[in-house]
Amino acid sequence: MLLLAVMVLAGWVLDDRLLKGAPHGHVAVKANTAVGFVLAALGTASVT
């Protein structure tokens, strides 16, 4: 989950539609959603 979220954030920084998770005809993952996934992954990792 962390890797996917970081890739989406990289897509937003680089303005790359494919990395944003939006192939032709699909909706891109929003940057704030990717940040939420990063925080959730880090929180889960800190508990275990």
N, C-alpha and C. Protein backbone atom coordinates (compact mmCIF):
# COMPACT_ATOMS: atom_id res chain seq x y z
N MET A 1 0.83 -1.17 0.00
CA MET A 1 0.00 0.00 0.00
C MET A 1 0.88 1.25 0.00
N LEU A 2 1.95 1.22 0.77
CA LEU A 2 2.85 2.37 0.84
C LEU A 2 3.48 2.64 -0.52
N LEU A 3 3.93 1.60 -1.18
CA LEU A 3 4.58 1.77 -2.49
C LEU A 3 3.61 2.36 -3.50
N LEU A 4 2.39 1.88 -3.52
CA LEU A 4 1.39 2.39 -4.45
C LEU A 4 1.10 3.87 -4.18
N ALA A 5 0.96 4.23 -2.92
CA ALA A 5 0.69 5.62 -2.55
C ALA A 5 1.84 6.53 -2.94
N VAL A 6 3.07 6.07 -2.73
CA VAL A 6 4.24 6.87 -3.11
C VAL A 6 4.30 7.03 -4.63
N MET A 7 3.95 5.99 -5.36
CA MET A 7 3.94 6.09 -6.82
C MET A 7 2.89 7.10 -7.29
N VAL A 8 1.72 7.11 -6.65
CA VAL A 8 0.68 8.07 -7.01
C VAL A 8 1.14 9.50 -6.71
N LEU A 9 1.78 9.70 -5.56
CA LEU A 9 2.30 11.03 -5.23
C LEU A 9 3.37 11.46 -6.23
N ALA A 10 4.20 10.53 -6.65
CA ALA A 10 5.20 10.83 -7.67
C ALA A 10 4.52 11.22 -8.98
N GLY A 11 3.42 10.58 -9.28
CA GLY A 11 2.65 10.93 -10.48
C GLY A 11 2.12 12.35 -10.42
N TRP A 12 1.69 12.78 -9.23
CA TRP A 12 1.21 14.16 -9.09
C TRP A 12 2.36 15.15 -9.21
N VAL A 13 3.51 14.83 -8.62
CA VAL A 13 4.66 15.73 -8.69
C VAL A 13 5.16 15.83 -10.13
N LEU A 14 5.22 14.70 -10.82
CA LEU A 14 5.75 14.66 -12.18
C LEU A 14 4.68 14.92 -13.24
N ASP A 15 3.42 15.06 -12.82
CA ASP A 15 2.28 15.25 -13.71
C ASP A 15 2.19 14.12 -14.73
N ASP A 16 2.32 12.89 -14.24
CA ASP A 16 2.26 11.69 -15.07
C ASP A 16 0.91 11.00 -14.84
N ARG A 17 0.07 10.98 -15.87
CA ARG A 17 -1.28 10.44 -15.74
C ARG A 17 -1.27 8.95 -15.38
N LEU A 18 -0.33 8.21 -15.92
CA LEU A 18 -0.27 6.78 -15.64
C LEU A 18 0.06 6.52 -14.16
N LEU A 19 1.00 7.27 -13.60
CA LEU A 19 1.36 7.09 -12.20
C LEU A 19 0.26 7.57 -11.25
N LYS A 20 -0.57 8.47 -11.73
CA LYS A 20 -1.69 8.92 -10.91
C LYS A 20 -2.76 7.84 -10.79
N GLY A 21 -2.59 6.76 -11.52
CA GLY A 21 -3.55 5.66 -11.46
C GLY A 21 -4.74 5.88 -12.36
N ALA A 22 -4.55 6.63 -13.43
CA ALA A 22 -5.66 6.94 -14.31
C ALA A 22 -5.36 6.57 -15.75
N PRO A 23 -5.48 5.29 -16.08
CA PRO A 23 -5.36 4.95 -17.49
C PRO A 23 -6.53 5.56 -18.27
N HIS A 24 -6.49 5.48 -19.53
CA HIS A 24 -7.49 6.13 -20.39
C HIS A 24 -8.92 5.83 -19.94
N GLY A 25 -9.65 6.89 -19.62
CA GLY A 25 -11.05 6.75 -19.27
C GLY A 25 -11.34 6.56 -17.80
N HIS A 26 -10.33 6.54 -16.95
CA HIS A 26 -10.55 6.34 -15.52
C HIS A 26 -10.22 7.61 -14.74
N VAL A 27 -10.70 7.67 -13.52
CA VAL A 27 -10.48 8.83 -12.67
C VAL A 27 -9.15 8.67 -11.93
N ALA A 28 -8.38 9.75 -11.85
CA ALA A 28 -7.08 9.72 -11.17
C ALA A 28 -7.29 9.68 -9.65
N VAL A 29 -6.34 9.05 -8.97
CA VAL A 29 -6.34 9.05 -7.50
C VAL A 29 -5.91 10.45 -7.05
N LYS A 30 -6.65 11.05 -6.14
CA LYS A 30 -6.32 12.39 -5.66
C LYS A 30 -5.09 12.33 -4.76
N ALA A 31 -4.35 13.43 -4.73
CA ALA A 31 -3.12 13.49 -3.94
C ALA A 31 -3.41 13.33 -2.45
N ASN A 32 -4.50 13.92 -1.96
CA ASN A 32 -4.80 13.80 -0.53
C ASN A 32 -5.17 12.37 -0.15
N THR A 33 -5.76 11.62 -1.07
CA THR A 33 -6.05 10.21 -0.82
C THR A 33 -4.75 9.41 -0.72
N ALA A 34 -3.79 9.72 -1.59
CA ALA A 34 -2.50 9.04 -1.54
C ALA A 34 -1.77 9.36 -0.24
N VAL A 35 -1.86 10.60 0.22
CA VAL A 35 -1.24 10.96 1.51
C VAL A 35 -1.90 10.18 2.63
N GLY A 36 -3.21 10.03 2.57
CA GLY A 36 -3.91 9.23 3.58
C GLY A 36 -3.45 7.79 3.58
N PHE A 37 -3.22 7.23 2.40
CA PHE A 37 -2.71 5.85 2.32
C PHE A 37 -1.31 5.75 2.91
N VAL A 38 -0.47 6.75 2.65
CA VAL A 38 0.88 6.76 3.22
C VAL A 38 0.79 6.78 4.74
N LEU A 39 -0.03 7.66 5.28
CA LEU A 39 -0.17 7.75 6.73
C LEU A 39 -0.76 6.46 7.33
N ALA A 40 -1.71 5.87 6.65
CA ALA A 40 -2.28 4.60 7.13
C ALA A 40 -1.24 3.49 7.13
N ALA A 41 -0.43 3.43 6.08
CA ALA A 41 0.61 2.39 6.00
C ALA A 41 1.66 2.60 7.09
N LEU A 42 2.05 3.85 7.30
CA LEU A 42 3.05 4.12 8.34
C LEU A 42 2.47 3.84 9.73
N GLY A 43 1.22 4.17 9.95
CA GLY A 43 0.58 3.88 11.23
C GLY A 43 0.48 2.39 11.49
N THR A 44 0.13 1.64 10.45
CA THR A 44 0.04 0.19 10.59
C THR A 44 1.41 -0.40 10.86
N ALA A 45 2.43 0.11 10.17
CA ALA A 45 3.78 -0.42 10.38
C ALA A 45 4.31 -0.10 11.77
N SER A 46 3.90 1.03 12.32
CA SER A 46 4.41 1.40 13.65
C SER A 46 3.77 0.57 14.76
N VAL A 47 2.58 0.03 14.50
CA VAL A 47 1.89 -0.78 15.51
C VAL A 47 2.46 -2.19 15.57
N THR A 48 2.87 -2.69 14.42
CA THR A 48 3.37 -4.08 14.39
C THR A 48 4.83 -4.16 14.73
